[in-house]
């Protein structure tokens, strides 16, 4: 189940990163006027998704029960 969530969160993260890059490089008039707030929004979405993906892909420690 954890691997499935990791794959799904990775796909969502990649899409969010693609959209964040679009915000940074776009030259559309609407985007240029609102760029500072769009950058804050895109980073506030991307950073937690990246952390979640990395956490889900990290190996879990095995608990030794004596």
C-alpha atoms as a PDB file:
ATOM      1  CA  UNK A   1       0.000   0.000   0.000  1.00  0.00           C
ATOM      2  CA  UNK A   2       2.864   2.343   0.834  1.00  0.00           C
ATOM      3  CA  UNK A   3       4.436   1.839  -2.619  1.00  0.00           C
ATOM      4  CA  UNK A   4       1.153   2.701  -4.321  1.00  0.00           C
ATOM      5  CA  UNK A   5       0.874   5.908  -2.304  1.00  0.00           C
ATOM      6  CA  UNK A   6       4.501   6.681  -3.107  1.00  0.00           C
ATOM      7  CA  UNK A   7       3.890   6.287  -6.836  1.00  0.00           C
ATOM      8  CA  UNK A   8       0.744   8.406  -6.741  1.00  0.00           C
ATOM      9  CA  UNK A   9       2.361  11.155  -4.694  1.00  0.00           C
ATOM     10  CA  UNK A  10       5.378  11.141  -7.011  1.00  0.00           C
ATOM     11  CA  UNK A  11       3.159  11.610 -10.055  1.00  0.00           C
ATOM     12  CA  UNK A  12       1.285  14.468  -8.400  1.00  0.00           C
ATOM     13  CA  UNK A  13       4.594  15.999  -7.310  1.00  0.00           C
ATOM     14  CA  UNK A  14       6.016  15.849 -10.817  1.00  0.00           C
ATOM     15  CA  UNK A  15       2.915  17.552 -12.196  1.00  0.00           C
ATOM     16  CA  UNK A  16       3.132  20.261  -9.521  1.00  0.00           C
ATOM     17  CA  UNK A  17       6.815  20.832 -10.275  1.00  0.00           C
ATOM     18  CA  UNK A  18       6.016  21.132 -13.992  1.00  0.00           C
ATOM     19  CA  UNK A  19       3.386  23.768 -13.239  1.00  0.00           C
ATOM     20  CA  UNK A  20       5.746  25.612 -10.876  1.00  0.00           C
ATOM     21  CA  UNK A  21       8.384  25.782 -13.592  1.00  0.00           C
ATOM     22  CA  UNK A  22       5.738  27.145 -15.940  1.00  0.00           C
ATOM     23  CA  UNK A  23       4.961  29.901 -13.417  1.00  0.00           C
ATOM     24  CA  UNK A  24       8.647  30.827 -13.237  1.00  0.00           C
ATOM     25  CA  UNK A  25       9.276  30.979 -16.994  1.00  0.00           C
ATOM     26  CA  UNK A  26       5.932  32.210 -18.319  1.00  0.00           C
ATOM     27  CA  UNK A  27       5.811  35.563 -20.095  1.00  0.00           C
ATOM     28  CA  UNK A  28       2.025  35.910 -20.300  1.00  0.00           C
ATOM     29  CA  UNK A  29       0.714  39.287 -19.176  1.00  0.00           C
ATOM     30  CA  UNK A  30      -1.643  37.806 -16.568  1.00  0.00           C
ATOM     31  CA  UNK A  31       1.119  35.690 -15.085  1.00  0.00           C
ATOM     32  CA  UNK A  32       3.653  38.500 -14.988  1.00  0.00           C
ATOM     33  CA  UNK A  33       1.306  40.749 -12.990  1.00  0.00           C
ATOM     34  CA  UNK A  34       0.603  38.060 -10.396  1.00  0.00           C
ATOM     35  CA  UNK A  35       3.985  36.313 -10.443  1.00  0.00           C
ATOM     36  CA  UNK A  36       5.003  36.928  -6.788  1.00  0.00           C
ATOM     37  CA  UNK A  37       1.841  35.417  -5.339  1.00  0.00           C
ATOM     38  CA  UNK A  38       1.864  32.567  -7.862  1.00  0.00           C
ATOM     39  CA  UNK A  39       5.448  31.721  -6.903  1.00  0.00           C
ATOM     40  CA  UNK A  40       4.492  31.584  -3.226  1.00  0.00           C
ATOM     41  CA  UNK A  41       1.493  29.391  -3.985  1.00  0.00           C
ATOM     42  CA  UNK A  42       3.420  27.013  -6.233  1.00  0.00           C
ATOM     43  CA  UNK A  43       6.261  26.615  -3.731  1.00  0.00           C
ATOM     44  CA  UNK A  44       3.854  26.095  -0.850  1.00  0.00           C
ATOM     45  CA  UNK A  45       2.332  23.220  -2.802  1.00  0.00           C
ATOM     46  CA  UNK A  46       5.543  21.715  -4.223  1.00  0.00           C
ATOM     47  CA  UNK A  47       7.683  21.637  -1.096  1.00  0.00           C
ATOM     48  CA  UNK A  48       5.265  19.557   1.052  1.00  0.00           C
ATOM     49  CA  UNK A  49       4.648  17.206  -1.883  1.00  0.00           C
ATOM     50  CA  UNK A  50       8.379  16.677  -2.338  1.00  0.00           C
ATOM     51  CA  UNK A  51       8.806  15.962   1.368  1.00  0.00           C
ATOM     52  CA  UNK A  52       5.878  13.538   1.299  1.00  0.00           C
ATOM     53  CA  UNK A  53       7.249  11.694  -1.726  1.00  0.00           C
ATOM     54  CA  UNK A  54      10.700  11.397  -0.221  1.00  0.00           C
ATOM     55  CA  UNK A  55       9.253  10.170   3.066  1.00  0.00           C
ATOM     56  CA  UNK A  56       7.141   7.530   1.328  1.00  0.00           C
ATOM     57  CA  UNK A  57      10.089   6.269  -0.751  1.00  0.00           C
ATOM     58  CA  UNK A  58      12.501   6.106   2.193  1.00  0.00           C
ATOM     59  CA  UNK A  59      13.003   2.618   3.628  1.00  0.00           C
ATOM     60  CA  UNK A  60      11.258   1.858   6.867  1.00  0.00           C
ATOM     61  CA  UNK A  61      13.174   0.538   9.829  1.00  0.00           C
ATOM     62  CA  UNK A  62      12.261  -2.955  10.934  1.00  0.00           C
ATOM     63  CA  UNK A  63      11.232  -3.258  14.551  1.00  0.00           C
ATOM     64  CA  UNK A  64      12.872  -6.118  16.388  1.00  0.00           C
ATOM     65  CA  UNK A  65      10.528  -7.706  18.865  1.00  0.00           C
ATOM     66  CA  UNK A  66      12.334  -9.957  21.372  1.00  0.00           C
END
